[in-house]
Amino acid sequence: MKDLKYYMGLNYKIEIVEDEAEGGYVLSIPDLKGCLTCAENLEKGMEMIKDAKRQWLMSAIESGYEIAEPSALEDYSGQFKLRIPKTLHKELAEKSKKEGISMNQYCLYLLSRGNNFSAKCP
């Protein structure tokens, strides 16, 4: 049976974001929706997120809430299908041809840069 000890032993990803406005850090566990805490420093934050995880799990178990297990990289193939407007498809095909790379490589390049590429295309 999956109990608190079982879930506490799982290696959930912890996301840490610096709070530039207030100072300190916000720590969360994305796989446990709503499980988060704030702390002035990372050392204290790591202690607090463990406690937040325990409290979140205890509440979920008591409520009969379905608890997600940690997501793993193996759960993702690295592929997805995307429908886009024909004009954007044309623009991407032309830009990738100009760069001398496949459209897949060009789109990966643009996504990895995290830029709004259509605003930069002449």
Protein backbone atom coordinates (compact mmCIF):
# COMPACT_ATOMS: atom_id res chain seq x y z
CA MET A 1 0.00 0.00 0.00
CA LYS A 2 1.23 3.48 -0.86
CA ASP A 3 1.42 5.44 2.36
CA LEU A 4 3.08 8.66 3.53
CA LYS A 5 6.44 6.93 3.93
CA TYR A 6 6.25 5.65 0.34
CA TYR A 7 5.48 9.07 -1.14
CA MET A 8 8.03 10.87 1.07
CA GLY A 9 10.67 8.51 -0.30
CA LEU A 10 9.98 9.45 -3.91
CA ASN A 11 12.34 11.90 -5.59
CA TYR A 12 10.08 14.75 -6.68
CA LYS A 13 11.58 17.62 -8.66
CA ILE A 14 11.81 20.84 -6.65
CA GLU A 15 11.55 24.09 -8.56
CA ILE A 16 13.29 27.12 -7.05
CA VAL A 17 12.54 30.67 -8.15
CA GLU A 18 14.23 33.73 -6.72
CA ASP A 19 11.67 36.27 -5.51
CA GLU A 20 13.21 39.48 -6.82
CA ALA A 21 10.40 41.70 -5.52
CA GLU A 22 10.27 40.47 -1.91
CA GLY A 23 13.66 38.79 -1.61
CA GLY A 24 14.26 35.16 -0.79
CA TYR A 25 13.01 32.16 -2.74
CA VAL A 26 9.82 30.37 -3.70
CA LEU A 27 10.18 26.58 -3.73
CA SER A 28 7.57 24.27 -5.22
CA ILE A 29 7.02 20.67 -6.27
CA PRO A 30 5.36 20.87 -9.72
CA ASP A 31 4.05 17.28 -9.63
CA LEU A 32 2.18 18.08 -6.39
CA LYS A 33 -0.04 20.97 -7.52
CA GLY A 34 -0.10 23.72 -4.90
CA CYS A 35 2.79 22.34 -2.83
CA LEU A 36 5.04 25.34 -2.26
CA THR A 37 6.77 27.44 0.34
CA CYS A 38 8.80 30.65 0.63
CA ALA A 39 12.07 31.16 2.47
CA GLU A 40 14.74 33.80 2.98
CA ASN A 41 17.56 31.42 1.97
CA LEU A 42 17.92 28.11 0.16
CA GLU A 43 19.02 26.10 3.19
CA LYS A 44 15.89 27.07 5.11
CA GLY A 45 13.84 26.67 1.93
CA MET A 46 14.92 23.05 1.50
CA GLU A 47 13.83 22.27 5.05
CA MET A 48 10.54 24.04 4.54
CA ILE A 49 9.72 22.34 1.22
CA LYS A 50 10.20 18.93 2.88
CA ASP A 51 7.69 19.95 5.53
CA ALA A 52 5.32 21.37 2.88
CA LYS A 53 5.61 18.07 0.96
CA ARG A 54 4.79 16.07 4.10
CA GLN A 55 1.78 18.27 4.93
CA TRP A 56 0.53 18.22 1.32
CA LEU A 57 0.81 14.43 1.15
CA MET A 58 -0.87 13.91 4.54
CA SER A 59 -3.78 16.09 3.46
CA ALA A 60 -4.06 14.32 0.09
CA ILE A 61 -4.02 10.87 1.71
CA GLU A 62 -6.66 11.88 4.27
CA SER A 63 -8.86 13.35 1.52
CA GLY A 64 -8.43 10.39 -0.81
CA TYR A 65 -6.90 12.70 -3.40
CA GLU A 66 -4.98 10.96 -6.20
CA ILE A 67 -1.27 11.62 -5.73
CA ALA A 68 0.90 11.89 -8.83
CA GLU A 69 4.24 10.14 -8.77
CA PRO A 70 7.29 12.04 -10.01
CA SER A 71 7.33 12.53 -13.75
CA ALA A 72 10.33 11.08 -15.52
CA LEU A 73 12.15 12.07 -18.68
CA GLU A 74 11.36 8.60 -20.06
CA ASP A 75 7.69 9.63 -20.13
CA TYR A 76 8.44 11.95 -23.06
CA SER A 77 9.38 10.93 -26.60
CA GLY A 78 10.81 14.28 -27.69
CA GLN A 79 8.21 14.53 -30.45
CA PHE A 80 4.90 16.32 -30.81
CA LYS A 81 2.69 17.31 -33.70
CA LEU A 82 1.79 20.95 -34.13
CA ARG A 83 -0.67 22.52 -36.56
CA ILE A 84 0.32 26.02 -37.65
CA PRO A 85 -1.01 28.51 -40.20
CA LYS A 86 0.21 27.98 -43.76
CA THR A 87 1.84 31.41 -43.78
CA LEU A 88 3.93 30.54 -40.72
CA HIS A 89 4.83 27.15 -42.21
CA LYS A 90 6.02 28.93 -45.38
CA GLU A 91 8.01 31.47 -43.34
CA LEU A 92 9.71 28.74 -41.28
CA ALA A 93 10.48 26.65 -44.38
CA GLU A 94 12.04 29.64 -46.16
CA LYS A 95 14.10 30.71 -43.13
CA SER A 96 15.41 27.17 -42.52
CA LYS A 97 16.33 26.77 -46.20
CA LYS A 98 18.20 30.11 -46.07
CA GLU A 99 20.11 28.84 -42.99
CA GLY A 100 20.85 25.55 -44.74
CA ILE A 101 19.22 23.38 -42.06
CA SER A 102 16.06 21.34 -41.77
CA MET A 103 12.89 23.03 -40.61
CA ASN A 104 12.91 20.76 -37.52
CA GLN A 105 16.42 21.93 -36.63
CA TYR A 106 15.46 25.55 -37.25
CA CYS A 107 12.35 25.30 -35.05
CA LEU A 108 14.37 23.61 -32.29
CA TYR A 109 16.91 26.43 -32.51
CA LEU A 110 14.15 29.05 -32.20
CA LEU A 111 12.46 27.25 -29.30
CA SER A 112 15.75 26.83 -27.43
CA ARG A 113 16.40 30.56 -27.70
CA GLY A 114 13.03 31.24 -26.11
CA ASN A 115 12.46 34.23 -28.37
CA ASN A 116 9.37 35.40 -30.17
CA PHE A 117 10.81 34.56 -33.57
CA SER A 118 7.95 35.85 -35.71
CA ALA A 119 8.56 39.36 -34.34
CA LYS A 120 12.17 39.14 -35.54
CA CYS A 121 11.45 37.85 -39.04
CA PRO A 122 11.58 40.59 -41.70
